[in-house]
Amino acid sequence: MERLRYAVVSGPGSLAPAIRQAISEGNYVSGPLGTFAQKVSEHAFMVNDDDIGELHRANYSDDQVFEATVSAALGAGLYRLERVRAVLYAG
């Protein structure tokens, strides 16, 4: 899991590693990218073409949108996994 997290947030990319790290930790940046990342984390099924279009209008590239999506999804998934583990292994 740590190798996956490292690859997503620290590997080569179009978004700065600090931004990917913040998104994966649920510390959303301001503006449309933060709004999008929060939506991916909390309500991924609601993401639509309009959300992507808004990011493009804010001058984010497809690569940056993809990296934000993966960072948010990874962070949300790992958070949920940690919560389940805490319940399963609670003493």
PDB file of N, CA and C in Angstrom:
ATOM      1  N   MET A   1       0.813  -1.193   0.000  1.00  0.00           N
ATOM      2  CA  MET A   1       0.000   0.000   0.000  1.00  0.00           C
ATOM      3  C   MET A   1       0.861   1.262   0.000  1.00  0.00           C
ATOM      4  N   GLU A   2       1.941   1.203   0.731  1.00  0.00           N
ATOM      5  CA  GLU A   2       2.806   2.384   0.794  1.00  0.00           C
ATOM      6  C   GLU A   2       3.446   2.674  -0.555  1.00  0.00           C
ATOM      7  N   ARG A   3       3.797   1.646  -1.298  1.00  0.00           N
ATOM      8  CA  ARG A   3       4.376   1.862  -2.636  1.00  0.00           C
ATOM      9  C   ARG A   3       3.348   2.496  -3.560  1.00  0.00           C
ATOM     10  N   LEU A   4       2.106   2.057  -3.459  1.00  0.00           N
ATOM     11  CA  LEU A   4       1.037   2.641  -4.266  1.00  0.00           C
ATOM     12  C   LEU A   4       0.838   4.099  -3.895  1.00  0.00           C
ATOM     13  N   ARG A   5       0.723   4.373  -2.612  1.00  0.00           N
ATOM     14  CA  ARG A   5       0.541   5.758  -2.152  1.00  0.00           C
ATOM     15  C   ARG A   5       1.702   6.638  -2.622  1.00  0.00           C
ATOM     16  N   TYR A   6       2.915   6.134  -2.477  1.00  0.00           N
ATOM     17  CA  TYR A   6       4.091   6.905  -2.888  1.00  0.00           C
ATOM     18  C   TYR A   6       4.046   7.190  -4.395  1.00  0.00           C
ATOM     19  N   ALA A   7       3.710   6.189  -5.184  1.00  0.00           N
ATOM     20  CA  ALA A   7       3.661   6.375  -6.641  1.00  0.00           C
ATOM     21  C   ALA A   7       2.641   7.432  -7.037  1.00  0.00           C
ATOM     22  N   VAL A   8       1.496   7.419  -6.384  1.00  0.00           N
ATOM     23  CA  VAL A   8       0.435   8.363  -6.736  1.00  0.00           C
ATOM     24  C   VAL A   8       0.783   9.777  -6.309  1.00  0.00           C
ATOM     25  N   VAL A   9       1.252   9.950  -5.092  1.00  0.00           N
ATOM     26  CA  VAL A   9       1.436  11.314  -4.593  1.00  0.00           C
ATOM     27  C   VAL A   9       2.828  11.879  -4.828  1.00  0.00           C
ATOM     28  N   SER A  10       3.833  11.015  -5.020  1.00  0.00           N
ATOM     29  CA  SER A  10       5.198  11.521  -5.145  1.00  0.00           C
ATOM     30  C   SER A  10       5.854  11.214  -6.480  1.00  0.00           C
ATOM     31  N   GLY A  11       5.244  10.363  -7.263  1.00  0.00           N
ATOM     32  CA  GLY A  11       5.831  10.021  -8.555  1.00  0.00           C
ATOM     33  C   GLY A  11       5.722  11.174  -9.532  1.00  0.00           C
ATOM     34  N   PRO A  12       6.285  10.982 -10.719  1.00  0.00           N
ATOM     35  CA  PRO A  12       6.203  12.030 -11.736  1.00  0.00           C
ATOM     36  C   PRO A  12       4.745  12.351 -12.070  1.00  0.00           C
ATOM     37  N   GLY A  13       4.491  13.605 -12.338  1.00  0.00           N
ATOM     38  CA  GLY A  13       3.138  13.998 -12.684  1.00  0.00           C
ATOM     39  C   GLY A  13       3.042  15.448 -13.090  1.00  0.00           C
ATOM     40  N   SER A  14       1.853  15.824 -13.516  1.00  0.00           N
ATOM     41  CA  SER A  14       1.589  17.201 -13.931  1.00  0.00           C
ATOM     42  C   SER A  14       1.205  18.090 -12.758  1.00  0.00           C
ATOM     43  N   LEU A  15       0.542  17.509 -11.771  1.00  0.00           N
ATOM     44  CA  LEU A  15       0.222  18.264 -10.551  1.00  0.00           C
ATOM     45  C   LEU A  15       1.391  18.145  -9.589  1.00  0.00           C
ATOM     46  N   ALA A  16       1.655  19.199  -8.864  1.00  0.00           N
ATOM     47  CA  ALA A  16       2.736  19.178  -7.880  1.00  0.00           C
ATOM     48  C   ALA A  16       2.471  18.088  -6.845  1.00  0.00           C
ATOM     49  N   PRO A  17       3.521  17.396  -6.414  1.00  0.00           N
ATOM     50  CA  PRO A  17       3.337  16.357  -5.391  1.00  0.00           C
ATOM     51  C   PRO A  17       2.621  16.867  -4.139  1.00  0.00           C
ATOM     52  N   ALA A  18       2.876  18.093  -3.741  1.00  0.00           N
ATOM     53  CA  ALA A  18       2.213  18.640  -2.547  1.00  0.00           C
ATOM     54  C   ALA A  18       0.701  18.719  -2.743  1.00  0.00           C
ATOM     55  N   ILE A  19       0.265  19.034  -3.944  1.00  0.00           N
ATOM     56  CA  ILE A  19      -1.170  19.100  -4.227  1.00  0.00           C
ATOM     57  C   ILE A  19      -1.762  17.699  -4.210  1.00  0.00           C
ATOM     58  N   ARG A  20      -1.090  16.747  -4.858  1.00  0.00           N
ATOM     59  CA  ARG A  20      -1.577  15.362  -4.863  1.00  0.00           C
ATOM     60  C   ARG A  20      -1.628  14.806  -3.440  1.00  0.00           C
ATOM     61  N   GLN A  21      -0.622  15.122  -2.646  1.00  0.00           N
ATOM     62  CA  GLN A  21      -0.579  14.665  -1.250  1.00  0.00           C
ATOM     63  C   GLN A  21      -1.748  15.245  -0.469  1.00  0.00           C
ATOM     64  N   ALA A  22      -1.965  16.544  -0.605  1.00  0.00           N
ATOM     65  CA  ALA A  22      -3.065  17.198   0.113  1.00  0.00           C
ATOM     66  C   ALA A  22      -4.408  16.583  -0.282  1.00  0.00           C
ATOM     67  N   ILE A  23      -4.609  16.384  -1.565  1.00  0.00           N
ATOM     68  CA  ILE A  23      -5.866  15.801  -2.033  1.00  0.00           C
ATOM     69  C   ILE A  23      -6.045  14.401  -1.458  1.00  0.00           C
ATOM     70  N   SER A  24      -4.990  13.598  -1.477  1.00  0.00           N
ATOM     71  CA  SER A  24      -5.105  12.225  -0.983  1.00  0.00           C
ATOM     72  C   SER A  24      -5.379  12.175   0.517  1.00  0.00           C
ATOM     73  N   GLU A  25      -4.984  13.206   1.238  1.00  0.00           N
ATOM     74  CA  GLU A  25      -5.214  13.269   2.682  1.00  0.00           C
ATOM     75  C   GLU A  25      -6.537  13.942   3.032  1.00  0.00           C
ATOM     76  N   GLY A  26      -7.292  14.375   2.024  1.00  0.00           N
ATOM     77  CA  GLY A  26      -8.566  15.030   2.276  1.00  0.00           C
ATOM     78  C   GLY A  26      -8.437  16.495   2.624  1.00  0.00           C
ATOM     79  N   ASN A  27      -7.252  17.062   2.414  1.00  0.00           N
ATOM     80  CA  ASN A  27      -7.029  18.497   2.617  1.00  0.00           C
ATOM     81  C   ASN A  27      -7.146  19.173   1.261  1.00  0.00           C
ATOM     82  N   TYR A  28      -8.362  19.446   0.867  1.00  0.00           N
ATOM     83  CA  TYR A  28      -8.620  19.902  -0.488  1.00  0.00           C
ATOM     84  C   TYR A  28      -8.134  21.321  -0.719  1.00  0.00           C
ATOM     85  N   VAL A  29      -7.537  21.509  -1.879  1.00  0.00           N
ATOM     86  CA  VAL A  29      -7.103  22.834  -2.290  1.00  0.00           C
ATOM     87  C   VAL A  29      -8.344  23.666  -2.595  1.00  0.00           C
ATOM     88  N   SER A  30      -8.195  24.968  -2.631  1.00  0.00           N
ATOM     89  CA  SER A  30      -9.339  25.827  -2.917  1.00  0.00           C
ATOM     90  C   SER A  30      -9.632  25.832  -4.410  1.00  0.00           C
ATOM     91  N   GLY A  31     -10.787  26.307  -4.748  1.00  0.00           N
ATOM     92  CA  GLY A  31     -11.166  26.455  -6.141  1.00  0.00           C
ATOM     93  C   GLY A  31     -11.750  25.184  -6.734  1.00  0.00           C
ATOM     94  N   PRO A  32     -11.876  25.170  -8.056  1.00  0.00           N
ATOM     95  CA  PRO A  32     -12.556  24.058  -8.712  1.00  0.00           C
ATOM     96  C   PRO A  32     -11.856  22.707  -8.525  1.00  0.00           C
ATOM     97  N   LEU A  33     -10.534  22.705  -8.407  1.00  0.00           N
ATOM     98  CA  LEU A  33      -9.832  21.436  -8.218  1.00  0.00           C
ATOM     99  C   LEU A  33     -10.182  20.822  -6.865  1.00  0.00           C
ATOM    100  N   GLY A  34     -10.255  21.638  -5.840  1.00  0.00           N
ATOM    101  CA  GLY A  34     -10.631  21.151  -4.518  1.00  0.00           C
ATOM    102  C   GLY A  34     -12.065  20.659  -4.470  1.00  0.00           C
ATOM    103  N   THR A  35     -12.947  21.404  -5.109  1.00  0.00           N
ATOM    104  CA  THR A  35     -14.356  21.004  -5.174  1.00  0.00           C
ATOM    105  C   THR A  35     -14.488  19.669  -5.878  1.00  0.00           C
ATOM    106  N   PHE A  36     -13.763  19.522  -6.987  1.00  0.00           N
ATOM    107  CA  PHE A  36     -13.793  18.271  -7.742  1.00  0.00           C
ATOM    108  C   PHE A  36     -13.245  17.119  -6.911  1.00  0.00           C
ATOM    109  N   ALA A  37     -12.099  17.320  -6.259  1.00  0.00           N
ATOM    110  CA  ALA A  37     -11.478  16.255  -5.473  1.00  0.00           C
ATOM    111  C   ALA A  37     -12.396  15.813  -4.336  1.00  0.00           C
ATOM    112  N   GLN A  38     -13.048  16.750  -3.703  1.00  0.00           N
ATOM    113  CA  GLN A  38     -13.973  16.401  -2.628  1.00  0.00           C
ATOM    114  C   GLN A  38     -15.140  15.589  -3.172  1.00  0.00           C
ATOM    115  N   LYS A  39     -15.632  15.958  -4.338  1.00  0.00           N
ATOM    116  CA  LYS A  39     -16.737  15.230  -4.951  1.00  0.00           C
ATOM    117  C   LYS A  39     -16.319  13.801  -5.294  1.00  0.00           C
ATOM    118  N   VAL A  40     -15.121  13.645  -5.820  1.00  0.00           N
ATOM    119  CA  VAL A  40     -14.610  12.307  -6.124  1.00  0.00           C
ATOM    120  C   VAL A  40     -14.520  11.488  -4.840  1.00  0.00           C
ATOM    121  N   SER A  41     -14.012  12.075  -3.787  1.00  0.00           N
ATOM    122  CA  SER A  41     -13.832  11.362  -2.521  1.00  0.00           C
ATOM    123  C   SER A  41     -15.140  10.959  -1.875  1.00  0.00           C
ATOM    124  N   GLU A  42     -16.114  11.845  -1.924  1.00  0.00           N
ATOM    125  CA  GLU A  42     -17.345  11.625  -1.170  1.00  0.00           C
ATOM    126  C   GLU A  42     -18.514  11.110  -1.996  1.00  0.00           C
ATOM    127  N   HIS A  43     -18.549  11.466  -3.274  1.00  0.00           N
ATOM    128  CA  HIS A  43     -19.702  11.110  -4.122  1.00  0.00           C
ATOM    129  C   HIS A  43     -19.243  10.842  -5.551  1.00  0.00           C
ATOM    130  N   ALA A  44     -18.334   9.920  -5.729  1.00  0.00           N
ATOM    131  CA  ALA A  44     -17.740   9.692  -7.047  1.00  0.00           C
ATOM    132  C   ALA A  44     -18.786   9.411  -8.123  1.00  0.00           C
ATOM    133  N   PHE A  45     -19.862   8.771  -7.747  1.00  0.00           N
ATOM    134  CA  PHE A  45     -20.908   8.437  -8.722  1.00  0.00           C
ATOM    135  C   PHE A  45     -21.587   9.675  -9.293  1.00  0.00           C
ATOM    136  N   MET A  46     -21.388  10.818  -8.665  1.00  0.00           N
ATOM    137  CA  MET A  46     -22.017  12.050  -9.130  1.00  0.00           C
ATOM    138  C   MET A  46     -21.133  12.874 -10.071  1.00  0.00           C
ATOM    139  N   VAL A  47     -19.885  12.469 -10.252  1.00  0.00           N
ATOM    140  CA  VAL A  47     -18.984  13.200 -11.149  1.00  0.00           C
ATOM    141  C   VAL A  47     -19.498  13.049 -12.581  1.00  0.00           C
ATOM    142  N   ASN A  48     -19.526  14.177 -13.296  1.00  0.00           N
ATOM    143  CA  ASN A  48     -20.025  14.137 -14.674  1.00  0.00           C
ATOM    144  C   ASN A  48     -19.174  15.028 -15.585  1.00  0.00           C
ATOM    145  N   ASP A  49     -19.559  15.075 -16.837  1.00  0.00           N
ATOM    146  CA  ASP A  49     -18.803  15.846 -17.828  1.00  0.00           C
ATOM    147  C   ASP A  49     -18.709  17.327 -17.466  1.00  0.00           C
ATOM    148  N   ASP A  50     -19.731  17.852 -16.825  1.00  0.00           N
ATOM    149  CA  ASP A  50     -19.697  19.269 -16.433  1.00  0.00           C
ATOM    150  C   ASP A  50     -18.569  19.540 -15.440  1.00  0.00           C
ATOM    151  N   ASP A  51     -18.323  18.593 -14.546  1.00  0.00           N
ATOM    152  CA  ASP A  51     -17.230  18.758 -13.577  1.00  0.00           C
ATOM    153  C   ASP A  51     -15.886  18.824 -14.292  1.00  0.00           C
ATOM    154  N   ILE A  52     -15.701  17.947 -15.255  1.00  0.00           N
ATOM    155  CA  ILE A  52     -14.457  17.929 -16.022  1.00  0.00           C
ATOM    156  C   ILE A  52     -14.344  19.208 -16.854  1.00  0.00           C
ATOM    157  N   GLY A  53     -15.441  19.619 -17.453  1.00  0.00           N
ATOM    158  CA  GLY A  53     -15.448  20.852 -18.233  1.00  0.00           C
ATOM    159  C   GLY A  53     -15.069  22.066 -17.410  1.00  0.00           C
ATOM    160  N   GLU A  54     -15.552  22.113 -16.169  1.00  0.00           N
ATOM    161  CA  GLU A  54     -15.205  23.229 -15.286  1.00  0.00           C
ATOM    162  C   GLU A  54     -13.706  23.260 -15.015  1.00  0.00           C
ATOM    163  N   LEU A  55     -13.103  22.087 -14.833  1.00  0.00           N
ATOM    164  CA  LEU A  55     -11.652  22.037 -14.616  1.00  0.00           C
ATOM    165  C   LEU A  55     -10.897  22.462 -15.870  1.00  0.00           C
ATOM    166  N   HIS A  56     -11.379  22.057 -17.028  1.00  0.00           N
ATOM    167  CA  HIS A  56     -10.735  22.478 -18.276  1.00  0.00           C
ATOM    168  C   HIS A  56     -10.830  23.997 -18.445  1.00  0.00           C
ATOM    169  N   ARG A  57     -11.988  24.565 -18.100  1.00  0.00           N
ATOM    170  CA  ARG A  57     -12.144  26.023 -18.186  1.00  0.00           C
ATOM    171  C   ARG A  57     -11.218  26.742 -17.208  1.00  0.00           C
ATOM    172  N   ALA A  58     -10.846  26.065 -16.119  1.00  0.00           N
ATOM    173  CA  ALA A  58      -9.905  26.630 -15.141  1.00  0.00           C
ATOM    174  C   ALA A  58      -8.458  26.309 -15.523  1.00  0.00           C
ATOM    175  N   ASN A  59      -8.281  25.824 -16.765  1.00  0.00           N
ATOM    176  CA  ASN A  59      -6.957  25.547 -17.347  1.00  0.00           C
ATOM    177  C   ASN A  59      -6.236  24.344 -16.759  1.00  0.00           C
ATOM    178  N   TYR A  60      -6.970  23.374 -16.233  1.00  0.00           N
ATOM    179  CA  TYR A  60      -6.363  22.112 -15.832  1.00  0.00           C
ATOM    180  C   TYR A  60      -6.363  21.176 -17.035  1.00  0.00           C
ATOM    181  N   SER A  61      -5.261  20.497 -17.231  1.00  0.00           N
ATOM    182  CA  SER A  61      -5.136  19.559 -18.344  1.00  0.00           C
ATOM    183  C   SER A  61      -5.795  18.227 -17.985  1.00  0.00           C
ATOM    184  N   ASP A  62      -5.980  17.378 -18.988  1.00  0.00           N
ATOM    185  CA  ASP A  62      -6.515  16.042 -18.734  1.00  0.00           C
ATOM    186  C   ASP A  62      -5.616  15.269 -17.776  1.00  0.00           C
ATOM    187  N   ASP A  63      -4.313  15.410 -17.923  1.00  0.00           N
ATOM    188  CA  ASP A  63      -3.388  14.721 -17.018  1.00  0.00           C
ATOM    189  C   ASP A  63      -3.585  15.190 -15.578  1.00  0.00           C
ATOM    190  N   GLN A  64      -3.760  16.481 -15.385  1.00  0.00           N
ATOM    191  CA  GLN A  64      -3.952  17.018 -14.037  1.00  0.00           C
ATOM    192  C   GLN A  64      -5.283  16.551 -13.441  1.00  0.00           C
ATOM    193  N   VAL A  65      -6.311  16.500 -14.269  1.00  0.00           N
ATOM    194  CA  VAL A  65      -7.614  16.010 -13.810  1.00  0.00           C
ATOM    195  C   VAL A  65      -7.489  14.545 -13.409  1.00  0.00           C
ATOM    196  N   PHE A  66      -6.804  13.763 -14.212  1.00  0.00           N
ATOM    197  CA  PHE A  66      -6.605  12.345 -13.909  1.00  0.00           C
ATOM    198  C   PHE A  66      -5.848  12.178 -12.594  1.00  0.00           C
ATOM    199  N   GLU A  67      -4.775  12.930 -12.423  1.00  0.00           N
ATOM    200  CA  GLU A  67      -3.970  12.822 -11.202  1.00  0.00           C
ATOM    201  C   GLU A  67      -4.767  13.230  -9.962  1.00  0.00           C
ATOM    202  N   ALA A  68      -5.582  14.254 -10.084  1.00  0.00           N
ATOM    203  CA  ALA A  68      -6.428  14.661  -8.962  1.00  0.00           C
ATOM    204  C   ALA A  68      -7.456  13.576  -8.653  1.00  0.00           C
ATOM    205  N   THR A  69      -8.013  12.979  -9.697  1.00  0.00           N
ATOM    206  CA  THR A  69      -8.998  11.911  -9.518  1.00  0.00           C
ATOM    207  C   THR A  69      -8.384  10.721  -8.804  1.00  0.00           C
ATOM    208  N   VAL A  70      -7.226  10.278  -9.274  1.00  0.00           N
ATOM    209  CA  VAL A  70      -6.562   9.125  -8.662  1.00  0.00           C
ATOM    210  C   VAL A  70      -6.153   9.444  -7.226  1.00  0.00           C
ATOM    211  N   SER A  71      -5.647  10.630  -6.976  1.00  0.00           N
ATOM    212  CA  SER A  71      -5.245  11.009  -5.622  1.00  0.00           C
ATOM    213  C   SER A  71      -6.440  11.007  -4.672  1.00  0.00           C
ATOM    214  N   ALA A  72      -7.550  11.573  -5.123  1.00  0.00           N
ATOM    215  CA  ALA A  72      -8.754  11.621  -4.279  1.00  0.00           C
ATOM    216  C   ALA A  72      -9.316  10.225  -4.045  1.00  0.00           C
ATOM    217  N   ALA A  73      -9.369   9.421  -5.091  1.00  0.00           N
ATOM    218  CA  ALA A  73      -9.907   8.063  -4.958  1.00  0.00           C
ATOM    219  C   ALA A  73      -9.023   7.208  -4.060  1.00  0.00           C
ATOM    220  N   LEU A  74      -7.722   7.313  -4.218  1.00  0.00           N
ATOM    221  CA  LEU A  74      -6.810   6.559  -3.375  1.00  0.00           C
ATOM    222  C   LEU A  74      -6.972   6.967  -1.915  1.00  0.00           C
ATOM    223  N   GLY A  75      -6.977   8.257  -1.665  1.00  0.00           N
ATOM    224  CA  GLY A  75      -7.128   8.733  -0.294  1.00  0.00           C
ATOM    225  C   GLY A  75      -8.435   8.267   0.333  1.00  0.00           C
ATOM    226  N   ALA A  76      -9.525   8.359  -0.412  1.00  0.00           N
ATOM    227  CA  ALA A  76     -10.827   7.929   0.108  1.00  0.00           C
ATOM    228  C   ALA A  76     -10.835   6.421   0.354  1.00  0.00           C
ATOM    229  N   GLY A  77     -10.268   5.665  -0.560  1.00  0.00           N
ATOM    230  CA  GLY A  77     -10.229   4.212  -0.396  1.00  0.00           C
ATOM    231  C   GLY A  77      -9.391   3.785   0.791  1.00  0.00           C
ATOM    232  N   LEU A  78      -8.233   4.395   0.947  1.00  0.00           N
ATOM    233  CA  LEU A  78      -7.373   4.042   2.079  1.00  0.00           C
ATOM    234  C   LEU A  78      -7.991   4.467   3.409  1.00  0.00           C
ATOM    235  N   TYR A  79      -8.664   5.589   3.423  1.00  0.00           N
ATOM    236  CA  TYR A  79      -9.358   6.024   4.635  1.00  0.00           C
ATOM    237  C   TYR A  79     -10.425   4.997   5.027  1.00  0.00           C
ATOM    238  N   ARG A  80     -11.202   4.573   4.050  1.00  0.00           N
ATOM    239  CA  ARG A  80     -12.256   3.589   4.330  1.00  0.00           C
ATOM    240  C   ARG A  80     -11.664   2.260   4.783  1.00  0.00           C
ATOM    241  N   LEU A  81     -10.574   1.854   4.158  1.00  0.00           N
ATOM    242  CA  LEU A  81      -9.905   0.622   4.561  1.00  0.00           C
ATOM    243  C   LEU A  81      -9.424   0.706   6.009  1.00  0.00           C
ATOM    244  N   GLU A  82      -8.840   1.832   6.376  1.00  0.00           N
ATOM    245  CA  GLU A  82      -8.375   2.023   7.756  1.00  0.00           C
ATOM    246  C   GLU A  82      -9.535   1.965   8.741  1.00  0.00           C
ATOM    247  N   ARG A  83     -10.667   2.538   8.391  1.00  0.00           N
ATOM    248  CA  ARG A  83     -11.837   2.510   9.275  1.00  0.00           C
ATOM    249  C   ARG A  83     -12.334   1.081   9.461  1.00  0.00           C
ATOM    250  N   VAL A  84     -12.392   0.305   8.386  1.00  0.00           N
ATOM    251  CA  VAL A  84     -12.832  -1.086   8.474  1.00  0.00           C
ATOM    252  C   VAL A  84     -11.863  -1.893   9.326  1.00  0.00           C
ATOM    253  N   ARG A  85     -10.588  -1.707   9.099  1.00  0.00           N
ATOM    254  CA  ARG A  85      -9.589  -2.419   9.905  1.00  0.00           C
ATOM    255  C   ARG A  85      -9.732  -2.077  11.385  1.00  0.00           C
ATOM    256  N   ALA A  86      -9.975  -0.824  11.686  1.00  0.00           N
ATOM    257  CA  ALA A  86     -10.123  -0.404  13.077  1.00  0.00           C
ATOM    258  C   ALA A  86     -11.309  -1.117  13.726  1.00  0.00           C
ATOM    259  N   VAL A  87     -12.378  -1.276  12.990  1.00  0.00           N
ATOM    260  CA  VAL A  87     -13.553  -1.961  13.530  1.00  0.00           C
ATOM    261  C   VAL A  87     -13.270  -3.455  13.687  1.00  0.00           C
ATOM    262  N   LEU A  88     -12.668  -4.044  12.684  1.00  0.00           N
ATOM    263  CA  LEU A  88     -12.408  -5.483  12.719  1.00  0.00           C
ATOM    264  C   LEU A  88     -11.412  -5.877  13.811  1.00  0.00           C
ATOM    265  N   TYR A  89     -10.422  -5.034  14.027  1.00  0.00           N
ATOM    266  CA  TYR A  89      -9.356  -5.382  14.960  1.00  0.00           C
ATOM    267  C   TYR A  89      -9.454  -4.646  16.288  1.00  0.00           C
ATOM    268  N   ALA A  90     -10.615  -4.042  16.558  1.00  0.00           N
ATOM    269  CA  ALA A  90     -10.803  -3.364  17.839  1.00  0.00           C
ATOM    270  C   ALA A  90     -10.797  -4.420  18.950  1.00  0.00           C
ATOM    271  N   GLY A  91     -10.094  -4.110  19.975  1.00  0.00           N
ATOM    272  CA  GLY A  91      -9.898  -5.058  21.069  1.00  0.00           C
ATOM    273  C   GLY A  91     -11.076  -5.250  21.896  1.00  0.00           C
TER     274      GLY A  91
END
